[in-house]
Amino acid sequence: MIKAIIFMGLGALIFYLYQNPGEMTSVIDQGKALINQGASIVQENTQ
């Protein structure tokens, strides 16, 4: 079930980039921000 949700999200992202190829930099920046936020949450919970 979780795999299906992840693949649906990836598919939506790929379709969005296919429709709007100029948005690549903003998608990358948002991805970096999401990863950093997730890493901060994990770091706070493991200390």
PDB file of N, CA and C in Angstrom:
ATOM      1  N   MET A   1       0.817  -1.189   0.000  1.00  0.00           N
ATOM      2  CA  MET A   1       0.000   0.000   0.000  1.00  0.00           C
ATOM      3  C   MET A   1       0.865   1.259   0.000  1.00  0.00           C
ATOM      4  N   ILE A   2       1.883   1.231   0.821  1.00  0.00           N
ATOM      5  CA  ILE A   2       2.766   2.406   0.882  1.00  0.00           C
ATOM      6  C   ILE A   2       3.533   2.553  -0.427  1.00  0.00           C
ATOM      7  N   LYS A   3       3.943   1.423  -1.017  1.00  0.00           N
ATOM      8  CA  LYS A   3       4.638   1.480  -2.303  1.00  0.00           C
ATOM      9  C   LYS A   3       3.758   2.132  -3.361  1.00  0.00           C
ATOM     10  N   ALA A   4       2.478   1.790  -3.354  1.00  0.00           N
ATOM     11  CA  ALA A   4       1.555   2.362  -4.339  1.00  0.00           C
ATOM     12  C   ALA A   4       1.456   3.872  -4.179  1.00  0.00           C
ATOM     13  N   ILE A   5       1.401   4.332  -2.934  1.00  0.00           N
ATOM     14  CA  ILE A   5       1.319   5.785  -2.687  1.00  0.00           C
ATOM     15  C   ILE A   5       2.593   6.478  -3.153  1.00  0.00           C
ATOM     16  N   ILE A   6       3.735   5.868  -2.879  1.00  0.00           N
ATOM     17  CA  ILE A   6       5.015   6.457  -3.302  1.00  0.00           C
ATOM     18  C   ILE A   6       5.098   6.514  -4.827  1.00  0.00           C
ATOM     19  N   PHE A   7       4.717   5.425  -5.494  1.00  0.00           N
ATOM     20  CA  PHE A   7       4.778   5.415  -6.950  1.00  0.00           C
ATOM     21  C   PHE A   7       3.772   6.371  -7.574  1.00  0.00           C
ATOM     22  N   MET A   8       2.614   6.543  -6.942  1.00  0.00           N
ATOM     23  CA  MET A   8       1.650   7.522  -7.438  1.00  0.00           C
ATOM     24  C   MET A   8       2.212   8.937  -7.318  1.00  0.00           C
ATOM     25  N   GLY A   9       2.889   9.219  -6.204  1.00  0.00           N
ATOM     26  CA  GLY A   9       3.514  10.529  -6.028  1.00  0.00           C
ATOM     27  C   GLY A   9       4.607  10.770  -7.047  1.00  0.00           C
ATOM     28  N   LEU A  10       5.438   9.760  -7.285  1.00  0.00           N
ATOM     29  CA  LEU A  10       6.496   9.892  -8.284  1.00  0.00           C
ATOM     30  C   LEU A  10       5.915  10.080  -9.679  1.00  0.00           C
ATOM     31  N   GLY A  11       4.862   9.355  -9.984  1.00  0.00           N
ATOM     32  CA  GLY A  11       4.220   9.494 -11.282  1.00  0.00           C
ATOM     33  C   GLY A  11       3.644  10.885 -11.471  1.00  0.00           C
ATOM     34  N   ALA A  12       3.018  11.410 -10.432  1.00  0.00           N
ATOM     35  CA  ALA A  12       2.468  12.766 -10.512  1.00  0.00           C
ATOM     36  C   ALA A  12       3.577  13.792 -10.702  1.00  0.00           C
ATOM     37  N   LEU A  13       4.692  13.591 -10.015  1.00  0.00           N
ATOM     38  CA  LEU A  13       5.831  14.508 -10.151  1.00  0.00           C
ATOM     39  C   LEU A  13       6.410  14.455 -11.555  1.00  0.00           C
ATOM     40  N   ILE A  14       6.573  13.259 -12.089  1.00  0.00           N
ATOM     41  CA  ILE A  14       7.114  13.112 -13.439  1.00  0.00           C
ATOM     42  C   ILE A  14       6.165  13.732 -14.469  1.00  0.00           C
ATOM     43  N   PHE A  15       4.863  13.517 -14.289  1.00  0.00           N
ATOM     44  CA  PHE A  15       3.892  14.109 -15.208  1.00  0.00           C
ATOM     45  C   PHE A  15       3.932  15.635 -15.129  1.00  0.00           C
ATOM     46  N   TYR A  16       4.053  16.174 -13.902  1.00  0.00           N
ATOM     47  CA  TYR A  16       4.122  17.628 -13.729  1.00  0.00           C
ATOM     48  C   TYR A  16       5.347  18.195 -14.443  1.00  0.00           C
ATOM     49  N   LEU A  17       6.487  17.525 -14.291  1.00  0.00           N
ATOM     50  CA  LEU A  17       7.703  17.997 -14.960  1.00  0.00           C
ATOM     51  C   LEU A  17       7.605  17.825 -16.468  1.00  0.00           C
ATOM     52  N   TYR A  18       6.887  16.815 -16.939  1.00  0.00           N
ATOM     53  CA  TYR A  18       6.693  16.631 -18.368  1.00  0.00           C
ATOM     54  C   TYR A  18       5.851  17.771 -18.940  1.00  0.00           C
ATOM     55  N   GLN A  19       4.848  18.197 -18.192  1.00  0.00           N
ATOM     56  CA  GLN A  19       3.979  19.276 -18.645  1.00  0.00           C
ATOM     57  C   GLN A  19       4.633  20.647 -18.504  1.00  0.00           C
ATOM     58  N   ASN A  20       5.484  20.807 -17.490  1.00  0.00           N
ATOM     59  CA  ASN A  20       6.127  22.095 -17.201  1.00  0.00           C
ATOM     60  C   ASN A  20       7.634  21.894 -17.043  1.00  0.00           C
ATOM     61  N   PRO A  21       8.366  21.736 -18.130  1.00  0.00           N
ATOM     62  CA  PRO A  21       9.799  21.422 -17.995  1.00  0.00           C
ATOM     63  C   PRO A  21      10.618  22.566 -17.401  1.00  0.00           C
ATOM     64  N   GLY A  22      10.128  23.783 -17.423  1.00  0.00           N
ATOM     65  CA  GLY A  22      10.869  24.905 -16.858  1.00  0.00           C
ATOM     66  C   GLY A  22      10.839  24.962 -15.347  1.00  0.00           C
ATOM     67  N   GLU A  23      10.045  24.114 -14.723  1.00  0.00           N
ATOM     68  CA  GLU A  23       9.898  24.117 -13.268  1.00  0.00           C
ATOM     69  C   GLU A  23      10.890  23.191 -12.561  1.00  0.00           C
ATOM     70  N   MET A  24      11.862  22.692 -13.290  1.00  0.00           N
ATOM     71  CA  MET A  24      12.780  21.711 -12.718  1.00  0.00           C
ATOM     72  C   MET A  24      13.522  22.254 -11.507  1.00  0.00           C
ATOM     73  N   THR A  25      14.005  23.485 -11.569  1.00  0.00           N
ATOM     74  CA  THR A  25      14.786  24.024 -10.456  1.00  0.00           C
ATOM     75  C   THR A  25      13.920  24.207  -9.211  1.00  0.00           C
ATOM     76  N   SER A  26      12.685  24.646  -9.382  1.00  0.00           N
ATOM     77  CA  SER A  26      11.833  24.828  -8.205  1.00  0.00           C
ATOM     78  C   SER A  26      11.469  23.484  -7.578  1.00  0.00           C
ATOM     79  N   VAL A  27      11.275  22.458  -8.399  1.00  0.00           N
ATOM     80  CA  VAL A  27      10.977  21.125  -7.867  1.00  0.00           C
ATOM     81  C   VAL A  27      12.180  20.585  -7.103  1.00  0.00           C
ATOM     82  N   ILE A  28      13.364  20.796  -7.624  1.00  0.00           N
ATOM     83  CA  ILE A  28      14.580  20.338  -6.941  1.00  0.00           C
ATOM     84  C   ILE A  28      14.746  21.071  -5.618  1.00  0.00           C
ATOM     85  N   ASP A  29      14.519  22.382  -5.607  1.00  0.00           N
ATOM     86  CA  ASP A  29      14.631  23.149  -4.368  1.00  0.00           C
ATOM     87  C   ASP A  29      13.614  22.693  -3.333  1.00  0.00           C
ATOM     88  N   GLN A  30      12.390  22.425  -3.754  1.00  0.00           N
ATOM     89  CA  GLN A  30      11.372  21.948  -2.832  1.00  0.00           C
ATOM     90  C   GLN A  30      11.728  20.563  -2.302  1.00  0.00           C
ATOM     91  N   GLY A  31      12.294  19.724  -3.149  1.00  0.00           N
ATOM     92  CA  GLY A  31      12.726  18.399  -2.715  1.00  0.00           C
ATOM     93  C   GLY A  31      13.836  18.478  -1.679  1.00  0.00           C
ATOM     94  N   LYS A  32      14.793  19.371  -1.904  1.00  0.00           N
ATOM     95  CA  LYS A  32      15.870  19.557  -0.929  1.00  0.00           C
ATOM     96  C   LYS A  32      15.334  20.051   0.403  1.00  0.00           C
ATOM     97  N   ALA A  33      14.398  20.990   0.352  1.00  0.00           N
ATOM     98  CA  ALA A  33      13.810  21.522   1.582  1.00  0.00           C
ATOM     99  C   ALA A  33      13.047  20.433   2.331  1.00  0.00           C
ATOM    100  N   LEU A  34      12.327  19.576   1.597  1.00  0.00           N
ATOM    101  CA  LEU A  34      11.582  18.493   2.226  1.00  0.00           C
ATOM    102  C   LEU A  34      12.525  17.491   2.884  1.00  0.00           C
ATOM    103  N   ILE A  35      13.612  17.164   2.208  1.00  0.00           N
ATOM    104  CA  ILE A  35      14.589  16.221   2.772  1.00  0.00           C
ATOM    105  C   ILE A  35      15.248  16.814   4.016  1.00  0.00           C
ATOM    106  N   ASN A  36      15.613  18.091   3.962  1.00  0.00           N
ATOM    107  CA  ASN A  36      16.228  18.732   5.126  1.00  0.00           C
ATOM    108  C   ASN A  36      15.263  18.787   6.304  1.00  0.00           C
ATOM    109  N   GLN A  37      13.992  19.051   6.030  1.00  0.00           N
ATOM    110  CA  GLN A  37      13.001  19.092   7.096  1.00  0.00           C
ATOM    111  C   GLN A  37      12.834  17.708   7.722  1.00  0.00           C
ATOM    112  N   GLY A  38      12.769  16.689   6.891  1.00  0.00           N
ATOM    113  CA  GLY A  38      12.656  15.332   7.409  1.00  0.00           C
ATOM    114  C   GLY A  38      13.868  14.928   8.222  1.00  0.00           C
ATOM    115  N   ALA A  39      15.052  15.306   7.773  1.00  0.00           N
ATOM    116  CA  ALA A  39      16.280  14.985   8.503  1.00  0.00           C
ATOM    117  C   ALA A  39      16.313  15.708   9.844  1.00  0.00           C
ATOM    118  N   SER A  40      15.836  16.938   9.886  1.00  0.00           N
ATOM    119  CA  SER A  40      15.789  17.685  11.148  1.00  0.00           C
ATOM    120  C   SER A  40      14.847  17.018  12.141  1.00  0.00           C
ATOM    121  N   ILE A  41      13.710  16.551  11.662  1.00  0.00           N
ATOM    122  CA  ILE A  41      12.756  15.870  12.533  1.00  0.00           C
ATOM    123  C   ILE A  41      13.361  14.581  13.098  1.00  0.00           C
ATOM    124  N   VAL A  42      14.032  13.825  12.240  1.00  0.00           N
ATOM    125  CA  VAL A  42      14.669  12.581  12.703  1.00  0.00           C
ATOM    126  C   VAL A  42      15.767  12.887  13.711  1.00  0.00           C
ATOM    127  N   GLN A  43      16.561  13.926  13.458  1.00  0.00           N
ATOM    128  CA  GLN A  43      17.641  14.286  14.374  1.00  0.00           C
ATOM    129  C   GLN A  43      17.094  14.704  15.729  1.00  0.00           C
ATOM    130  N   GLU A  44      16.019  15.498  15.746  1.00  0.00           N
ATOM    131  CA  GLU A  44      15.439  15.933  17.018  1.00  0.00           C
ATOM    132  C   GLU A  44      14.874  14.756  17.807  1.00  0.00           C
ATOM    133  N   ASN A  45      14.284  13.803  17.117  1.00  0.00           N
ATOM    134  CA  ASN A  45      13.665  12.671  17.814  1.00  0.00           C
ATOM    135  C   ASN A  45      14.654  11.633  18.268  1.00  0.00           C
ATOM    136  N   THR A  46      15.863  11.634  17.741  1.00  0.00           N
ATOM    137  CA  THR A  46      16.847  10.630  18.132  1.00  0.00           C
ATOM    138  C   THR A  46      17.867  11.136  19.136  1.00  0.00           C
ATOM    139  N   GLN A  47      17.767  12.361  19.546  1.00  0.00           N
ATOM    140  CA  GLN A  47      18.730  12.872  20.533  1.00  0.00           C
ATOM    141  C   GLN A  47      18.249  12.641  21.938  1.00  0.00           C
TER     142      GLN A  47
END
